[in-house]
Amino acid sequence: MRALSPFIYFFSHSHHTPNMTSYPSSSSISITRHRYNQSIMSLAILATAGIIGASYMALRKQGYTPLEKELLTLSDSRYLLDHTEMVTVRGHRLRVVNLPGKQPERPLLLFIHGLGGQASQWEEQLKYFCDYASRVVALDLLGCGSSEVVTDWKSYDTAELASDIEAVAKTLDTSKGIIAIGHSYGCLVSSILATRIQLKGLVMICCPRLHLDAKQKRGQKMLPFIPDWLIDRGRRADRKGGLHSQSVNRFLGEEADEETRRRQLRWNLMSRTSVWKRFMSRARIPSPEILSKISTNRVLIIGGSEDKMAPPSTMDIVQEHLQEAPTRLLIQGAGHMPMVTNTQQVNSAIQEFLFQ
């Protein structure tokens, strides 16, 4: 019997009718229980592996919906493509949208997108502010949009992303100064940038929370060990409902029109899970000390009253750590993407800020 597996060994013994004059010893009972526990554990591991394997195969078969496939075939507008260049800095090949402005004596405007975003989210601002700046520039951060994807994790540190932007700025004519405009996670990146180079102004749109709780910190540490396909499964479920899915509503709210929803769903689809994991795992929230060292006293904070991802209360927290009170605008009814859904209000606020 010792040549049999623990599973067979246990059941062959458990179904044996013992001789009434010969009982098993306590040591043999202990061994049998041990082998039984091993068998149950082995079965549990096999069952878990089977479930995971089946989930993985099911995910591979699901693929994209017809709408998602259509959106992924679309390209950026001709306007953006005509002003796109690829720039290599610090060993990273980044996409930069670079447009000359009509006001050569005014600062350069530098637009920095957030987590899962890309330069095309700033298209309406790029078009508008060409009339009010010496130059307008937006870039795809490392791993985003059309920029290069690298597999190491350190390159996605918040401070490293700021270093990439700093290096891009050195390739531009910044003699009239720079005003940095960040959205969401881009606010954190631009805050670090503002401690390294002298800015003429800083605009923070929907700045995220400036604190990670214990649960979020544990999640950061676990992310590298979670397989991409498992996260993909959650993302696919989040997109259920297409243009009116939680994936879209989380950014835009309930009132956005269909064309805006199509653009947002496309941006969500283009966000790579492997890059998202690295961004989230290596995200570092600027400390109050860093915020207090921002190189400009001119700061504009814009928020959305219905923003669930970066609630308006964050504006108060950011203000507490700045050298001087910022200019503030809370857009009623706006969600997490006011530069897309409330373009005119955002552009007007930034324009007014430029001429202060």
Protein backbone atom coordinates (compact mmCIF):
# COMPACT_ATOMS: atom_id res chain seq x y z
CA MET A 1 0.00 0.00 0.00
CA ARG A 2 2.93 2.34 0.55
CA ALA A 3 3.47 2.44 -3.18
CA LEU A 4 0.04 4.05 -3.69
CA SER A 5 -0.66 7.79 -3.65
CA PRO A 6 -1.78 9.28 -0.33
CA PHE A 7 -5.26 9.77 -1.77
CA ILE A 8 -5.66 6.04 -2.73
CA TYR A 9 -3.88 4.93 0.39
CA PHE A 10 -6.33 6.73 2.65
CA PHE A 11 -9.47 5.49 0.99
CA SER A 12 -8.27 1.90 0.74
CA HIS A 13 -7.70 1.92 4.50
CA SER A 14 -10.83 3.87 5.39
CA HIS A 15 -13.08 1.30 3.70
CA HIS A 16 -11.37 -1.76 5.27
CA THR A 17 -13.35 -3.60 7.94
CA PRO A 18 -10.93 -4.17 10.79
CA ASN A 19 -10.48 -7.49 12.61
CA MET A 20 -12.32 -7.21 15.92
CA THR A 21 -9.25 -8.47 17.72
CA SER A 22 -6.78 -6.13 15.93
CA TYR A 23 -7.14 -2.33 16.14
CA PRO A 24 -4.94 0.25 14.42
CA SER A 25 -2.33 1.90 16.61
CA SER A 26 -2.45 5.61 17.42
CA SER A 27 0.65 6.17 15.26
CA SER A 28 -0.99 4.61 12.20
CA ILE A 29 -4.10 6.80 12.73
CA SER A 30 -1.87 9.89 12.90
CA ILE A 31 -0.12 8.91 9.67
CA THR A 32 -3.45 8.29 7.96
CA ARG A 33 -4.80 11.68 9.01
CA HIS A 34 -1.64 13.38 7.80
CA ARG A 35 -1.95 11.68 4.42
CA TYR A 36 -5.63 12.60 4.27
CA ASN A 37 -4.80 16.27 4.88
CA GLN A 38 -2.16 16.12 2.16
CA SER A 39 -4.69 14.63 -0.23
CA ILE A 40 -7.26 17.33 0.48
CA MET A 41 -4.64 20.06 0.00
CA SER A 42 -3.55 18.51 -3.30
CA LEU A 43 -7.13 18.36 -4.50
CA ALA A 44 -7.69 22.00 -3.49
CA ILE A 45 -4.58 23.09 -5.39
CA LEU A 46 -5.63 21.14 -8.48
CA ALA A 47 -9.15 22.57 -8.32
CA THR A 48 -7.84 26.12 -7.94
CA ALA A 49 -5.42 25.64 -10.83
CA GLY A 50 -8.27 24.26 -12.93
CA ILE A 51 -10.50 27.25 -12.19
CA ILE A 52 -7.69 29.70 -12.96
CA GLY A 53 -6.83 27.83 -16.16
CA ALA A 54 -10.46 27.77 -17.28
CA SER A 55 -10.82 31.49 -16.52
CA TYR A 56 -7.68 32.24 -18.52
CA MET A 57 -8.89 30.25 -21.54
CA ALA A 58 -12.35 31.82 -21.33
CA LEU A 59 -10.79 35.27 -21.24
CA ARG A 60 -8.69 34.54 -24.32
CA LYS A 61 -11.78 33.39 -26.22
CA GLN A 62 -13.87 36.42 -25.28
CA GLY A 63 -11.76 39.00 -27.12
CA TYR A 64 -13.08 42.48 -27.85
CA THR A 65 -16.63 43.45 -28.69
CA PRO A 66 -17.34 44.72 -32.25
CA LEU A 67 -17.48 48.29 -30.91
CA GLU A 68 -14.16 47.90 -29.12
CA LYS A 69 -12.54 46.47 -32.24
CA GLU A 70 -13.84 49.42 -34.25
CA LEU A 71 -12.50 51.97 -31.76
CA LEU A 72 -9.08 50.32 -31.68
CA THR A 73 -8.74 50.74 -35.44
CA LEU A 74 -9.17 54.50 -35.20
CA SER A 75 -6.21 56.85 -35.23
CA ASP A 76 -5.73 60.32 -33.83
CA SER A 77 -6.93 63.31 -35.81
CA ARG A 78 -4.90 64.57 -38.75
CA TYR A 79 -4.30 67.75 -36.76
CA LEU A 80 -2.45 65.84 -34.04
CA LEU A 81 -0.64 63.52 -36.45
CA ASP A 82 0.67 66.47 -38.46
CA HIS A 83 2.29 67.94 -35.35
CA THR A 84 3.59 64.71 -33.82
CA GLU A 85 7.28 63.93 -33.45
CA MET A 86 9.13 61.14 -31.69
CA VAL A 87 11.81 62.33 -29.26
CA THR A 88 14.35 60.13 -27.51
CA VAL A 89 15.33 61.27 -24.02
CA ARG A 90 17.02 59.29 -21.24
CA GLY A 91 16.86 56.20 -23.44
CA HIS A 92 13.07 56.48 -23.83
CA ARG A 93 11.35 57.16 -27.14
CA LEU A 94 8.39 59.44 -26.44
CA ARG A 95 5.67 60.88 -28.62
CA VAL A 96 5.48 64.68 -28.43
CA VAL A 97 2.77 66.86 -29.99
CA ASN A 98 4.49 70.17 -30.64
CA LEU A 99 2.69 73.18 -32.10
CA PRO A 100 4.03 76.72 -32.64
CA GLY A 101 1.99 79.50 -31.08
CA LYS A 102 1.07 82.99 -32.27
CA GLN A 103 2.30 84.86 -29.20
CA PRO A 104 6.13 84.56 -29.24
CA GLU A 105 6.52 86.70 -26.12
CA ARG A 106 4.35 84.45 -23.97
CA PRO A 107 5.31 81.25 -22.12
CA LEU A 108 5.27 77.75 -23.53
CA LEU A 109 2.31 75.64 -22.34
CA LEU A 110 3.19 72.05 -21.41
CA PHE A 111 0.28 69.61 -21.01
CA ILE A 112 0.75 66.44 -18.92
CA HIS A 113 -1.93 63.72 -18.96
CA GLY A 114 -2.85 61.33 -16.15
CA LEU A 115 -2.83 57.59 -15.51
CA GLY A 116 -4.01 55.70 -18.59
CA GLY A 117 -4.23 58.92 -20.58
CA GLN A 118 -2.45 60.30 -23.62
CA ALA A 119 -1.69 63.57 -25.40
CA SER A 120 -4.83 63.42 -27.55
CA GLN A 121 -6.94 64.14 -24.46
CA TRP A 122 -5.61 67.70 -24.71
CA GLU A 123 -6.55 68.23 -28.37
CA GLU A 124 -9.08 71.01 -27.76
CA GLN A 125 -6.63 72.85 -25.50
CA LEU A 126 -3.80 72.49 -28.01
CA LYS A 127 -5.93 74.00 -30.76
CA TYR A 128 -7.24 76.82 -28.58
CA PHE A 129 -4.04 77.96 -26.90
CA CYS A 130 -1.97 78.22 -30.07
CA ASP A 131 -3.40 81.73 -30.21
CA TYR A 132 -2.26 82.62 -26.70
CA ALA A 133 1.19 81.03 -26.22
CA SER A 134 4.62 80.93 -27.83
CA ARG A 135 4.24 77.16 -28.19
CA VAL A 136 1.92 74.40 -26.94
CA VAL A 137 3.25 70.93 -26.22
CA ALA A 138 1.70 67.69 -25.01
CA LEU A 139 3.36 64.31 -24.73
CA ASP A 140 2.51 60.68 -24.18
CA LEU A 141 4.18 59.59 -20.96
CA LEU A 142 6.32 56.47 -21.05
CA GLY A 143 4.22 53.42 -21.96
CA CYS A 144 1.19 55.53 -22.89
CA GLY A 145 -0.34 56.31 -26.28
CA SER A 146 2.36 56.04 -28.95
CA SER A 147 5.34 56.31 -26.62
CA GLU A 148 7.72 53.43 -26.06
CA VAL A 149 6.79 50.69 -23.59
CA VAL A 150 9.58 49.40 -21.35
CA THR A 151 9.35 46.40 -19.07
CA ASP A 152 11.36 47.55 -16.08
CA TRP A 153 9.44 49.01 -13.15
CA LYS A 154 11.66 51.83 -11.92
CA SER A 155 11.21 53.84 -15.14
CA TYR A 156 7.57 54.35 -14.16
CA ASP A 157 8.35 55.98 -10.80
CA THR A 158 6.60 59.33 -10.50
CA ALA A 159 9.97 61.05 -10.16
CA GLU A 160 11.35 59.22 -13.22
CA LEU A 161 8.40 60.34 -15.34
CA ALA A 162 9.08 63.90 -14.19
CA SER A 163 12.70 63.44 -15.27
CA ASP A 164 11.53 62.38 -18.75
CA ILE A 165 9.44 65.55 -19.05
CA GLU A 166 12.30 67.67 -17.78
CA ALA A 167 14.51 66.16 -20.49
CA VAL A 168 11.88 66.85 -23.17
CA ALA A 169 11.65 70.48 -21.98
CA LYS A 170 15.40 70.86 -22.54
CA THR A 171 14.87 70.09 -26.24
CA LEU A 172 12.43 73.01 -26.57
CA ASP A 173 12.78 76.77 -26.65
CA THR A 174 11.72 77.69 -23.13
CA SER A 175 13.27 81.15 -23.08
CA LYS A 176 9.86 82.71 -22.34
CA GLY A 177 9.22 80.31 -19.50
CA ILE A 178 6.93 77.32 -19.01
CA ILE A 179 3.44 76.94 -17.62
CA ALA A 180 2.77 73.29 -16.80
CA ILE A 181 -0.80 71.97 -16.97
CA GLY A 182 -1.41 68.56 -15.42
CA HIS A 183 -4.48 66.37 -15.20
CA SER A 184 -5.11 63.82 -12.42
CA TYR A 185 -1.88 61.82 -11.90
CA GLY A 186 -0.24 64.36 -14.20
CA CYS A 187 -0.72 66.88 -11.37
CA LEU A 188 1.61 64.84 -9.19
CA VAL A 189 4.19 64.51 -11.95
CA SER A 190 4.03 68.23 -12.71
CA SER A 191 4.36 69.06 -9.00
CA ILE A 192 7.67 67.23 -8.87
CA LEU A 193 8.72 68.90 -12.12
CA ALA A 194 7.92 72.27 -10.53
CA THR A 195 10.52 71.65 -7.81
CA ARG A 196 13.25 71.08 -10.42
CA ILE A 197 12.71 73.81 -12.98
CA GLN A 198 11.43 77.35 -12.65
CA LEU A 199 7.83 77.58 -13.82
CA LYS A 200 5.82 80.68 -14.60
CA GLY A 201 2.65 78.94 -13.54
CA LEU A 202 1.13 75.58 -12.65
CA VAL A 203 -2.40 74.39 -13.47
CA MET A 204 -3.72 71.31 -11.64
CA ILE A 205 -6.91 69.75 -13.03
CA CYS A 206 -8.64 67.09 -10.89
CA CYS A 207 -5.64 66.48 -8.68
CA PRO A 208 -5.95 63.04 -7.00
CA ARG A 209 -5.87 62.34 -3.29
CA LEU A 210 -2.54 63.15 -1.66
CA HIS A 211 -2.63 60.17 0.68
CA LEU A 212 -2.57 56.38 0.38
CA ASP A 213 -4.16 54.42 3.19
CA ALA A 214 -2.73 51.15 4.52
CA LYS A 215 -4.93 49.04 2.24
CA GLN A 216 -3.82 50.95 -0.86
CA LYS A 217 -0.17 50.63 0.11
CA ARG A 218 -0.58 46.86 0.49
CA GLY A 219 -2.24 46.77 -2.91
CA GLN A 220 0.73 48.58 -4.43
CA LYS A 221 3.08 45.90 -3.11
CA MET A 222 0.88 43.07 -4.42
CA LEU A 223 0.40 44.44 -7.94
CA PRO A 224 3.61 43.02 -9.46
CA PHE A 225 2.48 39.51 -8.52
CA ILE A 226 -1.00 39.71 -10.06
CA PRO A 227 -1.03 38.31 -13.63
CA ASP A 228 -2.02 40.74 -16.36
CA TRP A 229 -4.77 38.45 -17.68
CA LEU A 230 -6.51 38.46 -14.31
CA ILE A 231 -6.59 42.26 -14.27
CA ASP A 232 -7.75 42.18 -17.89
CA ARG A 233 -10.71 40.09 -16.81
CA GLY A 234 -11.71 42.76 -14.29
CA ARG A 235 -11.23 45.50 -16.87
CA ARG A 236 -13.42 43.66 -19.36
CA ALA A 237 -16.17 43.33 -16.77
CA ASP A 238 -15.78 47.05 -16.03
CA ARG A 239 -16.41 47.79 -19.73
CA LYS A 240 -19.66 45.85 -19.80
CA GLY A 241 -22.23 48.24 -21.18
CA GLY A 242 -19.86 49.75 -23.73
CA LEU A 243 -20.34 53.50 -24.06
CA HIS A 244 -22.41 53.57 -20.88
CA SER A 245 -20.21 51.23 -18.85
CA GLN A 246 -18.73 52.00 -15.47
CA SER A 247 -15.39 52.25 -17.25
CA VAL A 248 -16.66 55.29 -19.16
CA ASN A 249 -19.00 56.81 -16.59
CA ARG A 250 -16.26 56.84 -13.97
CA PHE A 251 -14.44 59.46 -16.03
CA LEU A 252 -17.24 61.36 -17.74
CA GLY A 253 -20.29 61.09 -15.50
CA GLU A 254 -23.77 60.37 -16.78
CA GLU A 255 -24.39 63.35 -19.07
CA ALA A 256 -21.62 63.07 -21.69
CA ASP A 257 -22.62 62.82 -25.35
CA GLU A 258 -21.99 59.75 -27.49
CA GLU A 259 -18.96 61.06 -29.37
CA THR A 260 -17.19 61.96 -26.11
CA ARG A 261 -18.03 58.51 -24.77
CA ARG A 262 -16.50 56.88 -27.84
CA ARG A 263 -13.29 58.83 -27.33
CA GLN A 264 -13.13 57.92 -23.64
CA LEU A 265 -13.74 54.22 -24.29
CA ARG A 266 -10.99 54.25 -26.92
CA TRP A 267 -8.56 55.85 -24.45
CA ASN A 268 -9.47 53.24 -21.85
CA LEU A 269 -8.91 50.42 -24.34
CA MET A 270 -5.53 51.82 -25.36
CA SER A 271 -4.31 51.87 -21.76
CA ARG A 272 -2.08 48.80 -21.41
CA THR A 273 -2.55 46.64 -18.33
CA SER A 274 1.18 45.98 -17.95
CA VAL A 275 1.87 49.73 -17.95
CA TRP A 276 -1.06 50.47 -15.63
CA LYS A 277 0.38 48.00 -13.12
CA ARG A 278 3.77 49.68 -13.24
CA PHE A 279 2.30 53.18 -12.91
CA MET A 280 0.21 52.17 -9.92
CA SER A 281 2.92 50.14 -8.24
CA ARG A 282 5.54 52.88 -8.59
CA ALA A 283 3.27 55.88 -7.91
CA ARG A 284 4.72 58.16 -5.25
CA ILE A 285 2.58 60.89 -3.72
CA PRO A 286 4.48 64.18 -3.34
CA SER A 287 4.92 65.01 0.31
CA PRO A 288 3.73 68.31 1.79
CA GLU A 289 7.39 69.38 1.81
CA ILE A 290 7.63 68.88 -1.95
CA LEU A 291 4.43 70.81 -2.58
CA SER A 292 5.73 73.66 -0.46
CA LYS A 293 8.83 73.88 -2.70
CA ILE A 294 6.98 74.37 -5.98
CA SER A 295 8.89 76.98 -7.96
CA THR A 296 5.94 79.27 -8.66
CA ASN A 297 3.40 81.12 -6.57
CA ARG A 298 0.97 81.18 -9.48
CA VAL A 299 -1.19 78.09 -9.24
CA LEU A 300 -4.65 77.37 -10.67
CA ILE A 301 -6.64 74.43 -9.32
CA ILE A 302 -9.63 73.14 -11.30
CA GLY A 303 -12.02 70.46 -10.06
CA GLY A 304 -15.34 68.87 -10.97
CA SER A 305 -18.23 68.89 -8.52
CA GLU A 306 -19.21 65.34 -9.57
CA ASP A 307 -15.70 63.93 -9.73
CA LYS A 308 -15.66 60.64 -7.81
CA MET A 309 -12.03 59.82 -8.59
CA ALA A 310 -10.59 63.13 -7.37
CA PRO A 311 -13.27 64.66 -5.14
CA PRO A 312 -13.42 68.45 -4.72
CA SER A 313 -12.19 68.13 -1.12
CA THR A 314 -8.75 67.40 -2.54
CA MET A 315 -8.55 71.01 -3.69
CA ASP A 316 -8.56 72.12 -0.05
CA ILE A 317 -5.77 69.69 0.85
CA VAL A 318 -3.57 70.86 -2.02
CA GLN A 319 -4.13 74.49 -1.09
CA GLU A 320 -2.98 73.86 2.49
CA HIS A 321 0.50 72.91 1.29
CA LEU A 322 1.11 75.65 -1.27
CA GLN A 323 3.16 78.76 -0.56
CA GLU A 324 0.27 81.07 -1.41
CA ALA A 325 -3.46 80.64 -1.95
CA PRO A 326 -4.13 79.41 -5.51
CA THR A 327 -6.80 80.51 -7.94
CA ARG A 328 -9.62 77.96 -7.81
CA LEU A 329 -12.44 76.87 -10.09
CA LEU A 330 -14.99 74.17 -9.28
CA ILE A 331 -16.99 73.29 -12.39
CA GLN A 332 -20.53 72.32 -11.47
CA GLY A 333 -21.68 69.02 -12.92
CA ALA A 334 -18.23 68.07 -14.20
CA GLY A 335 -16.65 64.67 -13.60
CA HIS A 336 -13.01 63.64 -13.89
CA MET A 337 -12.40 64.89 -17.46
CA PRO A 338 -13.52 68.55 -17.52
CA MET A 339 -11.00 69.49 -20.22
CA VAL A 340 -12.97 67.10 -22.47
CA THR A 341 -16.54 67.51 -21.22
CA ASN A 342 -16.41 71.19 -20.18
CA THR A 343 -13.86 72.47 -22.66
CA GLN A 344 -15.00 76.07 -22.82
CA GLN A 345 -14.97 76.57 -19.05
CA VAL A 346 -11.55 75.00 -18.66
CA ASN A 347 -10.06 76.95 -21.54
CA SER A 348 -11.51 80.24 -20.31
CA ALA A 349 -10.15 79.66 -16.80
CA ILE A 350 -6.66 78.86 -18.10
CA GLN A 351 -6.72 81.83 -20.48
CA GLU A 352 -7.67 84.20 -17.68
CA PHE A 353 -4.90 82.68 -15.55
CA LEU A 354 -2.36 83.31 -18.34
CA PHE A 355 -3.19 87.00 -18.49
CA GLN A 356 -3.18 87.64 -14.74
